[in-house]
Amino acid sequence: MDQRICDGGGRIDIEGPCEPNLPDDTRYRLGTALRSIYEETCDMQPIPDSQIDLLLRLRHRERDLRRID
């Protein structure tokens, strides 16, 4: 059962914008649980070199774009 709210008269368009139909308290509890899992598993690990390379390239690209403006 898919519980998403979508535009288009009840038809679910996978490619279009959809939001889960969850109450606020459920969203809060889900977000808190996901954050705690992330903190326990990923937050203490170092950033992989591949991600550092991507961040550096993004920074260089942003700097180049600022120079053009």
PDB file of N, CA and C in Angstrom:
ATOM      1  N   MET A   1       0.845  -1.177   0.000  1.00  0.00           N
ATOM      2  CA  MET A   1       0.000   0.000   0.000  1.00  0.00           C
ATOM      3  C   MET A   1       0.894   1.246   0.000  1.00  0.00           C
ATOM      4  N   ASP A   2       0.694   2.100  -0.938  1.00  0.00           N
ATOM      5  CA  ASP A   2       1.497   3.297  -1.078  1.00  0.00           C
ATOM      6  C   ASP A   2       0.751   4.469  -0.454  1.00  0.00           C
ATOM      7  N   GLN A   3       1.335   5.088   0.584  1.00  0.00           N
ATOM      8  CA  GLN A   3       0.687   6.188   1.275  1.00  0.00           C
ATOM      9  C   GLN A   3       1.382   7.491   0.941  1.00  0.00           C
ATOM     10  N   ARG A   4       1.257   7.920  -0.303  1.00  0.00           N
ATOM     11  CA  ARG A   4       1.852   9.190  -0.710  1.00  0.00           C
ATOM     12  C   ARG A   4       0.763  10.109  -1.233  1.00  0.00           C
ATOM     13  N   ILE A   5       0.966  11.389  -0.994  1.00  0.00           N
ATOM     14  CA  ILE A   5       0.072  12.414  -1.525  1.00  0.00           C
ATOM     15  C   ILE A   5       0.724  12.939  -2.788  1.00  0.00           C
ATOM     16  N   CYS A   6      -0.001  12.900  -3.877  1.00  0.00           N
ATOM     17  CA  CYS A   6       0.575  13.341  -5.150  1.00  0.00           C
ATOM     18  C   CYS A   6      -0.394  14.252  -5.869  1.00  0.00           C
ATOM     19  N   ASP A   7       0.169  15.057  -6.749  1.00  0.00           N
ATOM     20  CA  ASP A   7      -0.667  15.853  -7.640  1.00  0.00           C
ATOM     21  C   ASP A   7      -1.187  14.941  -8.738  1.00  0.00           C
ATOM     22  N   GLY A   8      -2.333  15.245  -9.252  1.00  0.00           N
ATOM     23  CA  GLY A   8      -2.836  14.491 -10.390  1.00  0.00           C
ATOM     24  C   GLY A   8      -4.073  13.667 -10.078  1.00  0.00           C
ATOM     25  N   GLY A   9      -4.886  14.091  -9.149  1.00  0.00           N
ATOM     26  CA  GLY A   9      -6.155  13.441  -8.926  1.00  0.00           C
ATOM     27  C   GLY A   9      -6.073  12.035  -8.370  1.00  0.00           C
ATOM     28  N   GLY A  10      -5.184  11.782  -7.447  1.00  0.00           N
ATOM     29  CA  GLY A  10      -5.101  10.477  -6.820  1.00  0.00           C
ATOM     30  C   GLY A  10      -4.183   9.509  -7.532  1.00  0.00           C
ATOM     31  N   ARG A  11      -3.776   9.836  -8.735  1.00  0.00           N
ATOM     32  CA  ARG A  11      -2.859   8.970  -9.478  1.00  0.00           C
ATOM     33  C   ARG A  11      -1.446   9.232  -8.982  1.00  0.00           C
ATOM     34  N   ILE A  12      -0.720   8.192  -8.677  1.00  0.00           N
ATOM     35  CA  ILE A  12       0.640   8.333  -8.189  1.00  0.00           C
ATOM     36  C   ILE A  12       1.582   8.351  -9.372  1.00  0.00           C
ATOM     37  N   ASP A  13       2.271   9.442  -9.522  1.00  0.00           N
ATOM     38  CA  ASP A  13       3.267   9.586 -10.582  1.00  0.00           C
ATOM     39  C   ASP A  13       4.630   9.459  -9.922  1.00  0.00           C
ATOM     40  N   ILE A  14       5.312   8.368 -10.171  1.00  0.00           N
ATOM     41  CA  ILE A  14       6.594   8.106  -9.522  1.00  0.00           C
ATOM     42  C   ILE A  14       7.612   9.194  -9.856  1.00  0.00           C
ATOM     43  N   GLU A  15       7.543   9.754 -11.048  1.00  0.00           N
ATOM     44  CA  GLU A  15       8.501  10.770 -11.467  1.00  0.00           C
ATOM     45  C   GLU A  15       8.172  12.144 -10.900  1.00  0.00           C
ATOM     46  N   GLY A  16       6.942  12.356 -10.485  1.00  0.00           N
ATOM     47  CA  GLY A  16       6.525  13.668 -10.023  1.00  0.00           C
ATOM     48  C   GLY A  16       6.746  13.847  -8.536  1.00  0.00           C
ATOM     49  N   PRO A  17       6.464  15.051  -8.026  1.00  0.00           N
ATOM     50  CA  PRO A  17       6.681  15.337  -6.609  1.00  0.00           C
ATOM     51  C   PRO A  17       5.634  14.643  -5.745  1.00  0.00           C
ATOM     52  N   CYS A  18       6.087  13.851  -4.792  1.00  0.00           N
ATOM     53  CA  CYS A  18       5.192  13.164  -3.862  1.00  0.00           C
ATOM     54  C   CYS A  18       5.743  13.304  -2.453  1.00  0.00           C
ATOM     55  N   GLU A  19       4.853  13.365  -1.510  1.00  0.00           N
ATOM     56  CA  GLU A  19       5.249  13.415  -0.110  1.00  0.00           C
ATOM     57  C   GLU A  19       4.547  12.286   0.622  1.00  0.00           C
ATOM     58  N   PRO A  20       5.213  11.682   1.590  1.00  0.00           N
ATOM     59  CA  PRO A  20       4.542  10.651   2.374  1.00  0.00           C
ATOM     60  C   PRO A  20       3.400  11.256   3.184  1.00  0.00           C
ATOM     61  N   ASN A  21       2.348  10.519   3.319  1.00  0.00           N
ATOM     62  CA  ASN A  21       1.190  10.968   4.074  1.00  0.00           C
ATOM     63  C   ASN A  21       1.338  10.481   5.515  1.00  0.00           C
ATOM     64  N   LEU A  22       2.177  11.169   6.286  1.00  0.00           N
ATOM     65  CA  LEU A  22       2.450  10.784   7.669  1.00  0.00           C
ATOM     66  C   LEU A  22       2.126  11.941   8.594  1.00  0.00           C
ATOM     67  N   PRO A  23       1.563  11.635   9.759  1.00  0.00           N
ATOM     68  CA  PRO A  23       1.308  12.698  10.742  1.00  0.00           C
ATOM     69  C   PRO A  23       2.624  13.296  11.244  1.00  0.00           C
ATOM     70  N   ASP A  24       2.549  14.504  11.779  1.00  0.00           N
ATOM     71  CA  ASP A  24       3.741  15.212  12.243  1.00  0.00           C
ATOM     72  C   ASP A  24       4.510  14.438  13.312  1.00  0.00           C
ATOM     73  N   ASP A  25       3.799  13.823  14.257  1.00  0.00           N
ATOM     74  CA  ASP A  25       4.494  13.102  15.324  1.00  0.00           C
ATOM     75  C   ASP A  25       5.235  11.884  14.767  1.00  0.00           C
ATOM     76  N   THR A  26       4.678  11.243  13.757  1.00  0.00           N
ATOM     77  CA  THR A  26       5.349  10.102  13.128  1.00  0.00           C
ATOM     78  C   THR A  26       6.592  10.568  12.386  1.00  0.00           C
ATOM     79  N   ARG A  27       6.483  11.686  11.678  1.00  0.00           N
ATOM     80  CA  ARG A  27       7.658  12.233  10.985  1.00  0.00           C
ATOM     81  C   ARG A  27       8.762  12.576  11.980  1.00  0.00           C
ATOM     82  N   TYR A  28       8.385  13.170  13.105  1.00  0.00           N
ATOM     83  CA  TYR A  28       9.367  13.542  14.121  1.00  0.00           C
ATOM     84  C   TYR A  28      10.064  12.301  14.684  1.00  0.00           C
ATOM     85  N   ARG A  29       9.278  11.285  15.052  1.00  0.00           N
ATOM     86  CA  ARG A  29       9.868  10.056  15.600  1.00  0.00           C
ATOM     87  C   ARG A  29      10.758   9.368  14.568  1.00  0.00           C
ATOM     88  N   LEU A  30      10.324   9.325  13.337  1.00  0.00           N
ATOM     89  CA  LEU A  30      11.109   8.708  12.276  1.00  0.00           C
ATOM     90  C   LEU A  30      12.411   9.465  12.047  1.00  0.00           C
ATOM     91  N   GLY A  31      12.339  10.781  12.007  1.00  0.00           N
ATOM     92  CA  GLY A  31      13.537  11.597  11.837  1.00  0.00           C
ATOM     93  C   GLY A  31      14.514  11.429  12.981  1.00  0.00           C
ATOM     94  N   THR A  32      13.996  11.386  14.204  1.00  0.00           N
ATOM     95  CA  THR A  32      14.859  11.196  15.372  1.00  0.00           C
ATOM     96  C   THR A  32      15.547   9.837  15.328  1.00  0.00           C
ATOM     97  N   ALA A  33      14.811   8.803  14.956  1.00  0.00           N
ATOM     98  CA  ALA A  33      15.392   7.458  14.876  1.00  0.00           C
ATOM     99  C   ALA A  33      16.458   7.390  13.792  1.00  0.00           C
ATOM    100  N   LEU A  34      16.179   7.974  12.632  1.00  0.00           N
ATOM    101  CA  LEU A  34      17.160   7.956  11.542  1.00  0.00           C
ATOM    102  C   LEU A  34      18.423   8.724  11.912  1.00  0.00           C
ATOM    103  N   ARG A  35      18.262   9.877  12.590  1.00  0.00           N
ATOM    104  CA  ARG A  35      19.431  10.652  13.014  1.00  0.00           C
ATOM    105  C   ARG A  35      20.278   9.868  14.008  1.00  0.00           C
ATOM    106  N   SER A  36      19.636   9.193  14.944  1.00  0.00           N
ATOM    107  CA  SER A  36      20.405   8.440  15.941  1.00  0.00           C
ATOM    108  C   SER A  36      21.152   7.280  15.291  1.00  0.00           C
ATOM    109  N   ILE A  37      20.536   6.623  14.315  1.00  0.00           N
ATOM    110  CA  ILE A  37      21.219   5.539  13.608  1.00  0.00           C
ATOM    111  C   ILE A  37      22.406   6.092  12.824  1.00  0.00           C
ATOM    112  N   TYR A  38      22.202   7.223  12.161  1.00  0.00           N
ATOM    113  CA  TYR A  38      23.285   7.845  11.395  1.00  0.00           C
ATOM    114  C   TYR A  38      24.447   8.203  12.311  1.00  0.00           C
ATOM    115  N   GLU A  39      24.153   8.807  13.445  1.00  0.00           N
ATOM    116  CA  GLU A  39      25.206   9.214  14.372  1.00  0.00           C
ATOM    117  C   GLU A  39      26.005   8.018  14.874  1.00  0.00           C
ATOM    118  N   GLU A  40      25.322   6.918  15.131  1.00  0.00           N
ATOM    119  CA  GLU A  40      26.006   5.735  15.647  1.00  0.00           C
ATOM    120  C   GLU A  40      26.838   5.031  14.583  1.00  0.00           C
ATOM    121  N   THR A  41      26.393   5.056  13.338  1.00  0.00           N
ATOM    122  CA  THR A  41      27.071   4.267  12.308  1.00  0.00           C
ATOM    123  C   THR A  41      28.012   5.079  11.427  1.00  0.00           C
ATOM    124  N   CYS A  42      27.637   6.273  11.056  1.00  0.00           N
ATOM    125  CA  CYS A  42      28.393   7.008  10.042  1.00  0.00           C
ATOM    126  C   CYS A  42      29.122   8.234  10.554  1.00  0.00           C
ATOM    127  N   ASP A  43      28.581   8.862  11.559  1.00  0.00           N
ATOM    128  CA  ASP A  43      29.092  10.166  11.978  1.00  0.00           C
ATOM    129  C   ASP A  43      30.526  10.114  12.490  1.00  0.00           C
ATOM    130  N   MET A  44      30.925   9.023  13.069  1.00  0.00           N
ATOM    131  CA  MET A  44      32.260   8.928  13.645  1.00  0.00           C
ATOM    132  C   MET A  44      33.309   8.441  12.640  1.00  0.00           C
ATOM    133  N   GLN A  45      32.889   8.060  11.445  1.00  0.00           N
ATOM    134  CA  GLN A  45      33.823   7.560  10.449  1.00  0.00           C
ATOM    135  C   GLN A  45      34.410   8.728   9.659  1.00  0.00           C
ATOM    136  N   PRO A  46      35.644   8.580   9.180  1.00  0.00           N
ATOM    137  CA  PRO A  46      36.231   9.644   8.369  1.00  0.00           C
ATOM    138  C   PRO A  46      35.548   9.741   7.002  1.00  0.00           C
ATOM    139  N   ILE A  47      35.628  10.916   6.410  1.00  0.00           N
ATOM    140  CA  ILE A  47      35.061  11.110   5.076  1.00  0.00           C
ATOM    141  C   ILE A  47      35.954  10.388   4.072  1.00  0.00           C
ATOM    142  N   PRO A  48      35.373   9.577   3.183  1.00  0.00           N
ATOM    143  CA  PRO A  48      36.188   8.863   2.187  1.00  0.00           C
ATOM    144  C   PRO A  48      36.877   9.841   1.232  1.00  0.00           C
ATOM    145  N   ASP A  49      38.034   9.420   0.717  1.00  0.00           N
ATOM    146  CA  ASP A  49      38.801  10.261  -0.210  1.00  0.00           C
ATOM    147  C   ASP A  49      37.990  10.660  -1.431  1.00  0.00           C
ATOM    148  N   SER A  50      37.152   9.754  -1.930  1.00  0.00           N
ATOM    149  CA  SER A  50      36.347  10.076  -3.111  1.00  0.00           C
ATOM    150  C   SER A  50      35.403  11.243  -2.823  1.00  0.00           C
ATOM    151  N   GLN A  51      34.840  11.285  -1.621  1.00  0.00           N
ATOM    152  CA  GLN A  51      33.948  12.384  -1.263  1.00  0.00           C
ATOM    153  C   GLN A  51      34.715  13.688  -1.076  1.00  0.00           C
ATOM    154  N   ILE A  52      35.917  13.597  -0.531  1.00  0.00           N
ATOM    155  CA  ILE A  52      36.758  14.787  -0.383  1.00  0.00           C
ATOM    156  C   ILE A  52      37.107  15.351  -1.756  1.00  0.00           C
ATOM    157  N   ASP A  53      37.441  14.459  -2.698  1.00  0.00           N
ATOM    158  CA  ASP A  53      37.734  14.914  -4.063  1.00  0.00           C
ATOM    159  C   ASP A  53      36.540  15.623  -4.683  1.00  0.00           C
ATOM    160  N   LEU A  54      35.340  15.073  -4.478  1.00  0.00           N
ATOM    161  CA  LEU A  54      34.137  15.711  -5.018  1.00  0.00           C
ATOM    162  C   LEU A  54      33.911  17.080  -4.383  1.00  0.00           C
ATOM    163  N   LEU A  55      34.117  17.185  -3.076  1.00  0.00           N
ATOM    164  CA  LEU A  55      33.945  18.470  -2.396  1.00  0.00           C
ATOM    165  C   LEU A  55      34.964  19.499  -2.894  1.00  0.00           C
ATOM    166  N   LEU A  56      36.192  19.061  -3.114  1.00  0.00           N
ATOM    167  CA  LEU A  56      37.220  19.975  -3.626  1.00  0.00           C
ATOM    168  C   LEU A  56      36.889  20.457  -5.031  1.00  0.00           C
ATOM    169  N   ARG A  57      36.415  19.538  -5.872  1.00  0.00           N
ATOM    170  CA  ARG A  57      36.037  19.945  -7.235  1.00  0.00           C
ATOM    171  C   ARG A  57      34.878  20.922  -7.215  1.00  0.00           C
ATOM    172  N   LEU A  58      33.904  20.686  -6.328  1.00  0.00           N
ATOM    173  CA  LEU A  58      32.778  21.611  -6.197  1.00  0.00           C
ATOM    174  C   LEU A  58      33.258  22.979  -5.741  1.00  0.00           C
ATOM    175  N   ARG A  59      34.147  23.005  -4.775  1.00  0.00           N
ATOM    176  CA  ARG A  59      34.685  24.276  -4.282  1.00  0.00           C
ATOM    177  C   ARG A  59      35.422  25.033  -5.381  1.00  0.00           C
ATOM    178  N   HIS A  60      36.238  24.313  -6.166  1.00  0.00           N
ATOM    179  CA  HIS A  60      36.967  24.953  -7.270  1.00  0.00           C
ATOM    180  C   HIS A  60      35.999  25.488  -8.323  1.00  0.00           C
ATOM    181  N   ARG A  61      34.954  24.702  -8.610  1.00  0.00           N
ATOM    182  CA  ARG A  61      33.961  25.133  -9.598  1.00  0.00           C
ATOM    183  C   ARG A  61      33.232  26.385  -9.117  1.00  0.00           C
ATOM    184  N   GLU A  62      32.843  26.410  -7.847  1.00  0.00           N
ATOM    185  CA  GLU A  62      32.173  27.585  -7.303  1.00  0.00           C
ATOM    186  C   GLU A  62      33.086  28.797  -7.349  1.00  0.00           C
ATOM    187  N   ARG A  63      34.366  28.620  -7.022  1.00  0.00           N
ATOM    188  CA  ARG A  63      35.317  29.725  -7.062  1.00  0.00           C
ATOM    189  C   ARG A  63      35.467  30.243  -8.489  1.00  0.00           C
ATOM    190  N   ASP A  64      35.548  29.332  -9.461  1.00  0.00           N
ATOM    191  CA  ASP A  64      35.668  29.736 -10.864  1.00  0.00           C
ATOM    192  C   ASP A  64      34.433  30.508 -11.324  1.00  0.00           C
ATOM    193  N   LEU A  65      33.266  30.069 -10.892  1.00  0.00           N
ATOM    194  CA  LEU A  65      32.031  30.753 -11.274  1.00  0.00           C
ATOM    195  C   LEU A  65      31.964  32.152 -10.655  1.00  0.00           C
ATOM    196  N   ARG A  66      32.444  32.310  -9.422  1.00  0.00           N
ATOM    197  CA  ARG A  66      32.475  33.635  -8.789  1.00  0.00           C
ATOM    198  C   ARG A  66      33.419  34.568  -9.523  1.00  0.00           C
ATOM    199  N   ARG A  67      34.518  34.027 -10.019  1.00  0.00           N
ATOM    200  CA  ARG A  67      35.473  34.866 -10.757  1.00  0.00           C
ATOM    201  C   ARG A  67      34.878  35.347 -12.064  1.00  0.00           C
ATOM    202  N   ILE A  68      34.061  34.525 -12.694  1.00  0.00           N
ATOM    203  CA  ILE A  68      33.426  34.901 -13.968  1.00  0.00           C
ATOM    204  C   ILE A  68      32.445  36.047 -13.747  1.00  0.00           C
ATOM    205  N   ASP A  69      31.713  35.995 -12.636  1.00  0.00           N
ATOM    206  CA  ASP A  69      30.710  37.038 -12.340  1.00  0.00           C
ATOM    207  C   ASP A  69      31.429  38.282 -11.990  1.00  0.00           C
TER     208      ASP A  69
END
